[in-house]
Amino acid sequence: MWGEPSGQGWTQVLELAAALVLCSVIGLERTLRRKSAGMRTHAIVGMGAALFVLVSKYGFTDVLDPGRVVLDPSRVAAQVVSGIGFVGAGIIFVRRDAVRGLTTAAAVWISASVGMACGAGLPVLAGFVTAAYFVIVYAYPPLIRRLQSGTMREESITVRYADGHGLLRSILATATGHGFAVTHVRTDRDEDDHSLVVLVLTLRGRGDLRVLIPRLSEIDGVRETRAGFALDDDEAD
C-alpha cells in the first residue's frame, strides 16, 4: 500500500511537504506586504497542485491495461494550469481605472507551478523558481528605478484633497516645479467622502515621484497622494 508503485510512500509525502514549505515561503512575502492572497492561500494552492500531479501520476494504476487503457499524466497538469486562472482572476480587480493584484495573482500562479514541480519529483527546479521569485520581487524594482532615472518618462499620480480651498493650482505648481510637465488632468468626486476631490495627473519629465509625492502630501488640505492610476505597481504587487 505504501510502496512506490501505488504512489503513497514517503517519497510522495516529502514531495507534498516540499510544496507546502516552498509555497508558504512565497505566500509569506505576500502576507508581509498585506496582500489579499497570503500565506494560507499560496500554501493551499501549491500543495493542492502537487496532490493533483501525484494523483495524475499514481491514482489510476489500478485500471491500467497495456492492451486497452493508456493514461496521459500530463492532462491533469494541463488542467491545473487552466484552473488556477480562476483563482488569479478573483484576486485582480479594477477601481477607478486602477488595476490591482496582478503580481499577487502571478504569485498564486507560480505557487501552483512550484507545487506541480514538487509533485512531479522535480524539487531542484521548484527550489530554483522559488528563489527566482524573490529575486524578481525584491531586486527588480530598484533596478527598474535605476534604469529609469534621468530619462524622460510618463508617470501618474492620484491626489485626494479637500474641495473648496483652491488647492488645484498649488498641486499643479508643485508638480511642474519638480521637473514634470502635466499632460493630462482628471478630477472626480470621492465616492466615500463627497467633500474630497480625486485628482488624477499624468506627468511627463525627469523628476522623481519619490520626491514629489511627499511634497504634495505636505500641502495643507491634501489628504492622500499615491503613485499610479492606470497601473499601480505597488498595489499590483
C-alpha atoms as a PDB file:
ATOM      1  CA  MET A   1       0.000   0.000   0.000  1.00  0.00           C
ATOM      2  CA  TRP A   2       2.805   2.400   0.879  1.00  0.00           C
ATOM      3  CA  GLY A   3       5.202   1.351  -1.853  1.00  0.00           C
ATOM      4  CA  GLU A   4       6.339   3.434  -4.808  1.00  0.00           C
ATOM      5  CA  PRO A   5       4.007   1.782  -7.383  1.00  0.00           C
ATOM      6  CA  SER A   6       0.899   2.922  -5.502  1.00  0.00           C
ATOM      7  CA  GLY A   7       2.200   6.459  -5.054  1.00  0.00           C
ATOM      8  CA  GLN A   8       1.573   6.514  -1.295  1.00  0.00           C
ATOM      9  CA  GLY A   9       5.105   6.265   0.062  1.00  0.00           C
ATOM     10  CA  TRP A  10       7.322   8.619   1.987  1.00  0.00           C
ATOM     11  CA  THR A  11       8.674   9.960  -1.290  1.00  0.00           C
ATOM     12  CA  GLN A  12       5.278  11.414  -2.130  1.00  0.00           C
ATOM     13  CA  VAL A  13       4.788  12.716   1.406  1.00  0.00           C
ATOM     14  CA  LEU A  14       8.113  14.550   1.145  1.00  0.00           C
ATOM     15  CA  GLU A  15       7.078  15.981  -2.227  1.00  0.00           C
ATOM     16  CA  LEU A  16       3.882  17.342  -0.701  1.00  0.00           C
ATOM     17  CA  ALA A  17       5.863  18.723   2.239  1.00  0.00           C
ATOM     18  CA  ALA A  18       8.288  20.449  -0.160  1.00  0.00           C
ATOM     19  CA  ALA A  19       5.348  22.068  -1.951  1.00  0.00           C
ATOM     20  CA  LEU A  20       3.918  23.177   1.392  1.00  0.00           C
ATOM     21  CA  VAL A  21       7.189  24.760   2.558  1.00  0.00           C
ATOM     22  CA  LEU A  22       8.176  26.475  -0.695  1.00  0.00           C
ATOM     23  CA  CYS A  23       4.719  27.869  -1.412  1.00  0.00           C
ATOM     24  CA  SER A  24       4.339  29.013   2.199  1.00  0.00           C
ATOM     25  CA  VAL A  25       7.569  30.993   1.810  1.00  0.00           C
ATOM     26  CA  ILE A  26       6.188  32.679  -1.312  1.00  0.00           C
ATOM     27  CA  GLY A  27       2.919  33.387   0.488  1.00  0.00           C
ATOM     28  CA  LEU A  28       4.753  34.814   3.490  1.00  0.00           C
ATOM     29  CA  GLU A  29       6.189  37.572   1.299  1.00  0.00           C
ATOM     30  CA  ARG A  30       2.648  38.428   0.149  1.00  0.00           C
ATOM     31  CA  THR A  31       1.393  38.377   3.742  1.00  0.00           C
ATOM     32  CA  LEU A  32       4.129  40.778   4.875  1.00  0.00           C
ATOM     33  CA  ARG A  33       3.030  43.153   2.124  1.00  0.00           C
ATOM     34  CA  ARG A  34      -0.577  42.829   3.397  1.00  0.00           C
ATOM     35  CA  LYS A  35      -1.959  41.484   0.130  1.00  0.00           C
ATOM     36  CA  SER A  36      -5.288  39.724  -0.217  1.00  0.00           C
ATOM     37  CA  ALA A  37      -3.851  36.314  -1.063  1.00  0.00           C
ATOM     38  CA  GLY A  38      -1.287  35.500   1.593  1.00  0.00           C
ATOM     39  CA  MET A  39       0.488  32.589   3.185  1.00  0.00           C
ATOM     40  CA  ARG A  40      -2.543  30.330   3.586  1.00  0.00           C
ATOM     41  CA  THR A  41      -3.772  30.812   0.032  1.00  0.00           C
ATOM     42  CA  HIS A  42      -0.375  30.108  -1.517  1.00  0.00           C
ATOM     43  CA  ALA A  43       0.218  27.079   0.707  1.00  0.00           C
ATOM     44  CA  ILE A  44      -3.177  25.580  -0.148  1.00  0.00           C
ATOM     45  CA  VAL A  45      -2.804  26.252  -3.874  1.00  0.00           C
ATOM     46  CA  GLY A  46       0.748  24.860  -4.025  1.00  0.00           C
ATOM     47  CA  MET A  47       0.056  21.713  -2.027  1.00  0.00           C
ATOM     48  CA  GLY A  48      -3.200  21.113  -3.882  1.00  0.00           C
ATOM     49  CA  ALA A  49      -1.407  21.416  -7.223  1.00  0.00           C
ATOM     50  CA  ALA A  50       1.220  18.937  -6.009  1.00  0.00           C
ATOM     51  CA  LEU A  51      -1.500  16.478  -4.998  1.00  0.00           C
ATOM     52  CA  PHE A  52      -3.199  16.820  -8.373  1.00  0.00           C
ATOM     53  CA  VAL A  53       0.051  15.884 -10.099  1.00  0.00           C
ATOM     54  CA  LEU A  54       0.564  12.915  -7.770  1.00  0.00           C
ATOM     55  CA  VAL A  55      -2.991  11.728  -8.416  1.00  0.00           C
ATOM     56  CA  SER A  56      -2.315  12.073 -12.130  1.00  0.00           C
ATOM     57  CA  LYS A  57       0.892  10.011 -11.810  1.00  0.00           C
ATOM     58  CA  TYR A  58      -0.262   7.275  -9.450  1.00  0.00           C
ATOM     59  CA  GLY A  59      -4.016   7.487  -8.934  1.00  0.00           C
ATOM     60  CA  PHE A  60      -5.067   5.286 -11.842  1.00  0.00           C
ATOM     61  CA  THR A  61      -2.560   2.448 -11.714  1.00  0.00           C
ATOM     62  CA  ASP A  62      -5.296   0.003 -10.707  1.00  0.00           C
ATOM     63  CA  VAL A  63      -7.144   0.459 -14.004  1.00  0.00           C
ATOM     64  CA  LEU A  64      -4.149   0.337 -16.332  1.00  0.00           C
ATOM     65  CA  ASP A  65      -4.255  -2.306 -19.015  1.00  0.00           C
ATOM     66  CA  PRO A  66      -1.397  -2.227 -21.529  1.00  0.00           C
ATOM     67  CA  GLY A  67      -3.706  -3.654 -24.165  1.00  0.00           C
ATOM     68  CA  ARG A  68      -6.678  -1.348 -23.674  1.00  0.00           C
ATOM     69  CA  VAL A  69      -6.126   1.500 -21.166  1.00  0.00           C
ATOM     70  CA  VAL A  70      -3.399   4.095 -21.678  1.00  0.00           C
ATOM     71  CA  LEU A  71      -3.162   7.191 -19.450  1.00  0.00           C
ATOM     72  CA  ASP A  72      -1.568  10.570 -20.117  1.00  0.00           C
ATOM     73  CA  PRO A  73      -0.458  12.064 -16.756  1.00  0.00           C
ATOM     74  CA  SER A  74       0.215  15.436 -18.355  1.00  0.00           C
ATOM     75  CA  ARG A  75      -3.501  16.035 -18.943  1.00  0.00           C
ATOM     76  CA  VAL A  76      -4.222  16.670 -15.265  1.00  0.00           C
ATOM     77  CA  ALA A  77      -1.242  19.020 -15.015  1.00  0.00           C
ATOM     78  CA  ALA A  78      -2.544  20.981 -18.003  1.00  0.00           C
ATOM     79  CA  GLN A  79      -5.950  21.324 -16.370  1.00  0.00           C
ATOM     80  CA  VAL A  80      -4.336  22.615 -13.169  1.00  0.00           C
ATOM     81  CA  VAL A  81      -2.652  25.364 -15.208  1.00  0.00           C
ATOM     82  CA  SER A  82      -6.013  26.330 -16.723  1.00  0.00           C
ATOM     83  CA  GLY A  83      -7.954  26.075 -13.476  1.00  0.00           C
ATOM     84  CA  ILE A  84      -5.592  28.210 -11.431  1.00  0.00           C
ATOM     85  CA  GLY A  85      -6.529  31.104 -13.698  1.00  0.00           C
ATOM     86  CA  PHE A  86      -9.893  31.331 -11.935  1.00  0.00           C
ATOM     87  CA  VAL A  87      -8.140  31.902  -8.599  1.00  0.00           C
ATOM     88  CA  GLY A  88      -5.958  34.591 -10.132  1.00  0.00           C
ATOM     89  CA  ALA A  89      -8.966  36.286 -11.737  1.00  0.00           C
ATOM     90  CA  GLY A  90     -10.575  36.564  -8.328  1.00  0.00           C
ATOM     91  CA  ILE A  91      -7.542  38.429  -6.960  1.00  0.00           C
ATOM     92  CA  ILE A  92      -7.293  41.022  -9.734  1.00  0.00           C
ATOM     93  CA  PHE A  93      -9.744  43.916  -9.502  1.00  0.00           C
ATOM     94  CA  VAL A  94     -10.187  47.348 -11.009  1.00  0.00           C
ATOM     95  CA  ARG A  95     -11.183  50.503  -9.154  1.00  0.00           C
ATOM     96  CA  ARG A  96     -11.196  53.952 -10.715  1.00  0.00           C
ATOM     97  CA  ASP A  97      -9.101  52.716 -13.640  1.00  0.00           C
ATOM     98  CA  ALA A  98      -6.541  51.205 -11.257  1.00  0.00           C
ATOM     99  CA  VAL A  99      -5.621  47.578 -11.865  1.00  0.00           C
ATOM    100  CA  ARG A 100      -4.584  45.883  -8.638  1.00  0.00           C
ATOM    101  CA  GLY A 101      -3.490  42.406  -7.655  1.00  0.00           C
ATOM    102  CA  LEU A 102      -1.562  41.457 -10.800  1.00  0.00           C
ATOM    103  CA  THR A 103       1.623  40.411  -9.028  1.00  0.00           C
ATOM    104  CA  THR A 104      -0.301  38.588  -6.300  1.00  0.00           C
ATOM    105  CA  ALA A 105      -2.261  36.672  -8.949  1.00  0.00           C
ATOM    106  CA  ALA A 106       1.022  35.823 -10.665  1.00  0.00           C
ATOM    107  CA  ALA A 107       2.430  34.683  -7.305  1.00  0.00           C
ATOM    108  CA  VAL A 108      -0.519  32.303  -6.848  1.00  0.00           C
ATOM    109  CA  TRP A 109       0.059  31.018 -10.360  1.00  0.00           C
ATOM    110  CA  ILE A 110       3.764  30.434  -9.726  1.00  0.00           C
ATOM    111  CA  SER A 111       2.931  28.744  -6.408  1.00  0.00           C
ATOM    112  CA  ALA A 112       0.823  26.286  -8.375  1.00  0.00           C
ATOM    113  CA  SER A 113       3.757  25.625 -10.695  1.00  0.00           C
ATOM    114  CA  VAL A 114       6.107  25.098  -7.729  1.00  0.00           C
ATOM    115  CA  GLY A 115       3.642  22.662  -6.208  1.00  0.00           C
ATOM    116  CA  MET A 116       3.315  20.802  -9.515  1.00  0.00           C
ATOM    117  CA  ALA A 117       7.095  20.568  -9.808  1.00  0.00           C
ATOM    118  CA  CYS A 118       7.306  19.126  -6.291  1.00  0.00           C
ATOM    119  CA  GLY A 119       4.561  16.639  -7.075  1.00  0.00           C
ATOM    120  CA  ALA A 120       6.334  15.644 -10.278  1.00  0.00           C
ATOM    121  CA  GLY A 121       9.530  14.899  -8.358  1.00  0.00           C
ATOM    122  CA  LEU A 122      11.463  17.982  -9.510  1.00  0.00           C
ATOM    123  CA  PRO A 123      12.423  19.680  -6.205  1.00  0.00           C
ATOM    124  CA  VAL A 124      15.547  21.338  -7.617  1.00  0.00           C
ATOM    125  CA  LEU A 125      13.508  23.185 -10.227  1.00  0.00           C
ATOM    126  CA  ALA A 126      10.887  24.068  -7.614  1.00  0.00           C
ATOM    127  CA  GLY A 127      13.568  25.495  -5.322  1.00  0.00           C
ATOM    128  CA  PHE A 128      15.161  27.469  -8.135  1.00  0.00           C
ATOM    129  CA  VAL A 129      11.840  29.032  -9.169  1.00  0.00           C
ATOM    130  CA  THR A 130      11.089  29.931  -5.545  1.00  0.00           C
ATOM    131  CA  ALA A 131      14.460  31.664  -5.230  1.00  0.00           C
ATOM    132  CA  ALA A 132      13.939  33.398  -8.585  1.00  0.00           C
ATOM    133  CA  TYR A 133      10.595  34.712  -7.365  1.00  0.00           C
ATOM    134  CA  PHE A 134      12.286  36.608  -4.533  1.00  0.00           C
ATOM    135  CA  VAL A 135      14.906  37.984  -6.921  1.00  0.00           C
ATOM    136  CA  ILE A 136      12.092  39.338  -9.094  1.00  0.00           C
ATOM    137  CA  VAL A 137      10.023  40.952  -6.335  1.00  0.00           C
ATOM    138  CA  TYR A 138      12.940  42.436  -4.378  1.00  0.00           C
ATOM    139  CA  ALA A 139      15.748  43.083  -6.883  1.00  0.00           C
ATOM    140  CA  TYR A 140      13.781  44.196  -9.933  1.00  0.00           C
ATOM    141  CA  PRO A 141      12.036  47.333  -8.534  1.00  0.00           C
ATOM    142  CA  PRO A 142      15.266  49.183  -7.576  1.00  0.00           C
ATOM    143  CA  LEU A 143      16.870  48.053 -10.834  1.00  0.00           C
ATOM    144  CA  ILE A 144      13.957  49.441 -12.832  1.00  0.00           C
ATOM    145  CA  ARG A 145      14.074  52.721 -10.916  1.00  0.00           C
ATOM    146  CA  ARG A 146      17.809  52.993 -11.584  1.00  0.00           C
ATOM    147  CA  LEU A 147      17.326  52.359 -15.306  1.00  0.00           C
ATOM    148  CA  GLN A 148      14.543  54.912 -15.463  1.00  0.00           C
ATOM    149  CA  SER A 149      16.368  57.634 -13.556  1.00  0.00           C
ATOM    150  CA  GLY A 150      17.426  60.541 -15.714  1.00  0.00           C
ATOM    151  CA  THR A 151      15.219  59.521 -18.648  1.00  0.00           C
ATOM    152  CA  MET A 152      12.110  61.238 -19.947  1.00  0.00           C
ATOM    153  CA  ARG A 153       9.168  59.115 -18.863  1.00  0.00           C
ATOM    154  CA  GLU A 154       5.465  59.292 -18.190  1.00  0.00           C
ATOM    155  CA  GLU A 155       4.168  58.913 -14.653  1.00  0.00           C
ATOM    156  CA  SER A 156       0.791  59.167 -12.988  1.00  0.00           C
ATOM    157  CA  ILE A 157      -0.309  60.172  -9.513  1.00  0.00           C
ATOM    158  CA  THR A 158      -3.614  60.316  -7.668  1.00  0.00           C
ATOM    159  CA  VAL A 159      -4.248  63.099  -5.153  1.00  0.00           C
ATOM    160  CA  ARG A 160      -7.214  63.369  -2.800  1.00  0.00           C
ATOM    161  CA  TYR A 161      -7.758  66.841  -1.406  1.00  0.00           C
ATOM    162  CA  ALA A 162     -10.440  68.919   0.309  1.00  0.00           C
ATOM    163  CA  ASP A 163     -12.734  70.749  -2.082  1.00  0.00           C
ATOM    164  CA  GLY A 164     -13.277  74.497  -1.973  1.00  0.00           C
ATOM    165  CA  HIS A 165      -9.787  75.562  -0.898  1.00  0.00           C
ATOM    166  CA  GLY A 166      -8.238  76.330  -4.284  1.00  0.00           C
ATOM    167  CA  LEU A 167      -5.649  73.572  -3.960  1.00  0.00           C
ATOM    168  CA  LEU A 168      -5.561  72.520  -7.613  1.00  0.00           C
ATOM    169  CA  ARG A 169      -3.291  75.401  -8.617  1.00  0.00           C
ATOM    170  CA  SER A 170      -0.850  74.645  -5.769  1.00  0.00           C
ATOM    171  CA  ILE A 171      -0.765  70.961  -6.704  1.00  0.00           C
ATOM    172  CA  LEU A 172      -0.052  71.700 -10.360  1.00  0.00           C
ATOM    173  CA  ALA A 173       2.612  74.256  -9.477  1.00  0.00           C
ATOM    174  CA  THR A 174       4.332  71.787  -7.171  1.00  0.00           C
ATOM    175  CA  ALA A 175       4.338  69.102  -9.868  1.00  0.00           C
ATOM    176  CA  THR A 176       5.799  71.388 -12.521  1.00  0.00           C
ATOM    177  CA  GLY A 177       8.329  72.703 -10.050  1.00  0.00           C
ATOM    178  CA  HIS A 178       9.757  69.211  -9.584  1.00  0.00           C
ATOM    179  CA  GLY A 179      10.664  68.576 -13.215  1.00  0.00           C
ATOM    180  CA  PHE A 180       7.340  67.347 -14.588  1.00  0.00           C
ATOM    181  CA  ALA A 181       5.030  68.646 -17.275  1.00  0.00           C
ATOM    182  CA  VAL A 182       1.331  67.940 -16.677  1.00  0.00           C
ATOM    183  CA  THR A 183      -0.042  66.259 -19.810  1.00  0.00           C
ATOM    184  CA  HIS A 184      -3.474  65.204 -18.546  1.00  0.00           C
ATOM    185  CA  VAL A 185      -5.744  66.196 -15.663  1.00  0.00           C
ATOM    186  CA  ARG A 186      -8.849  64.377 -14.488  1.00  0.00           C
ATOM    187  CA  THR A 187     -10.980  65.190 -11.460  1.00  0.00           C
ATOM    188  CA  ASP A 188     -13.806  63.317  -9.826  1.00  0.00           C
ATOM    189  CA  ARG A 189     -15.748  63.346  -6.580  1.00  0.00           C
ATOM    190  CA  ASP A 190     -14.579  60.858  -3.956  1.00  0.00           C
ATOM    191  CA  GLU A 191     -17.132  58.065  -3.669  1.00  0.00           C
ATOM    192  CA  ASP A 192     -16.663  57.626   0.078  1.00  0.00           C
ATOM    193  CA  ASP A 193     -16.375  61.298   1.078  1.00  0.00           C
ATOM    194  CA  HIS A 194     -18.071  63.833  -1.185  1.00  0.00           C
ATOM    195  CA  SER A 195     -16.151  66.705   0.420  1.00  0.00           C
ATOM    196  CA  LEU A 196     -12.984  65.381  -1.235  1.00  0.00           C
ATOM    197  CA  VAL A 197     -11.846  65.675  -4.838  1.00  0.00           C
ATOM    198  CA  VAL A 198      -9.935  62.858  -6.522  1.00  0.00           C
ATOM    199  CA  LEU A 199      -7.357  64.324  -8.893  1.00  0.00           C
ATOM    200  CA  VAL A 200      -5.510  62.125 -11.373  1.00  0.00           C
ATOM    201  CA  LEU A 201      -2.467  63.676 -13.032  1.00  0.00           C
ATOM    202  CA  THR A 202      -0.474  62.278 -15.929  1.00  0.00           C
ATOM    203  CA  LEU A 203       3.049  63.673 -15.752  1.00  0.00           C
ATOM    204  CA  ARG A 204       5.971  63.602 -18.135  1.00  0.00           C
ATOM    205  CA  GLY A 205       9.532  64.513 -17.285  1.00  0.00           C
ATOM    206  CA  ARG A 206      12.734  63.600 -15.499  1.00  0.00           C
ATOM    207  CA  GLY A 207      11.515  64.291 -11.981  1.00  0.00           C
ATOM    208  CA  ASP A 208      11.394  61.777  -9.143  1.00  0.00           C
ATOM    209  CA  LEU A 209       7.988  60.764  -7.791  1.00  0.00           C
ATOM    210  CA  ARG A 210       9.634  59.734  -4.526  1.00  0.00           C
ATOM    211  CA  VAL A 211      10.421  63.422  -4.007  1.00  0.00           C
ATOM    212  CA  LEU A 212       7.238  64.867  -5.483  1.00  0.00           C
ATOM    213  CA  ILE A 213       4.708  62.749  -3.557  1.00  0.00           C
ATOM    214  CA  PRO A 214       5.921  63.810  -0.076  1.00  0.00           C
ATOM    215  CA  ARG A 215       5.897  67.455  -1.203  1.00  0.00           C
ATOM    216  CA  LEU A 216       2.301  67.174  -2.380  1.00  0.00           C
ATOM    217  CA  SER A 217       1.314  65.464   0.870  1.00  0.00           C
ATOM    218  CA  GLU A 218       2.660  68.458   2.800  1.00  0.00           C
ATOM    219  CA  ILE A 219       0.172  70.833   1.155  1.00  0.00           C
ATOM    220  CA  ASP A 220      -2.495  71.815   3.665  1.00  0.00           C
ATOM    221  CA  GLY A 221      -5.767  70.148   2.670  1.00  0.00           C
ATOM    222  CA  VAL A 222      -4.252  67.232   0.739  1.00  0.00           C
ATOM    223  CA  ARG A 223      -5.467  64.018   2.346  1.00  0.00           C
ATOM    224  CA  GLU A 224      -3.725  61.360   0.249  1.00  0.00           C
ATOM    225  CA  THR A 225      -1.152  61.168  -2.526  1.00  0.00           C
ATOM    226  CA  ARG A 226      -0.085  57.980  -4.233  1.00  0.00           C
ATOM    227  CA  ALA A 227       1.594  56.901  -7.438  1.00  0.00           C
ATOM    228  CA  GLY A 228      -0.348  55.417 -10.293  1.00  0.00           C
ATOM    229  CA  PHE A 229      -3.869  55.331 -11.666  1.00  0.00           C
ATOM    230  CA  ALA A 230      -3.778  53.061 -14.709  1.00  0.00           C
ATOM    231  CA  LEU A 231      -1.455  50.573 -13.073  1.00  0.00           C
ATOM    232  CA  ASP A 232      -0.082  50.963  -9.579  1.00  0.00           C
ATOM    233  CA  ASP A 233       2.843  48.566  -9.483  1.00  0.00           C
ATOM    234  CA  ASP A 234       2.990  48.514  -5.689  1.00  0.00           C
ATOM    235  CA  GLU A 235      -0.693  47.653  -5.397  1.00  0.00           C
ATOM    236  CA  ALA A 236      -0.363  45.212  -8.255  1.00  0.00           C
ATOM    237  CA  ASP A 237       2.323  43.531  -6.153  1.00  0.00           C
END
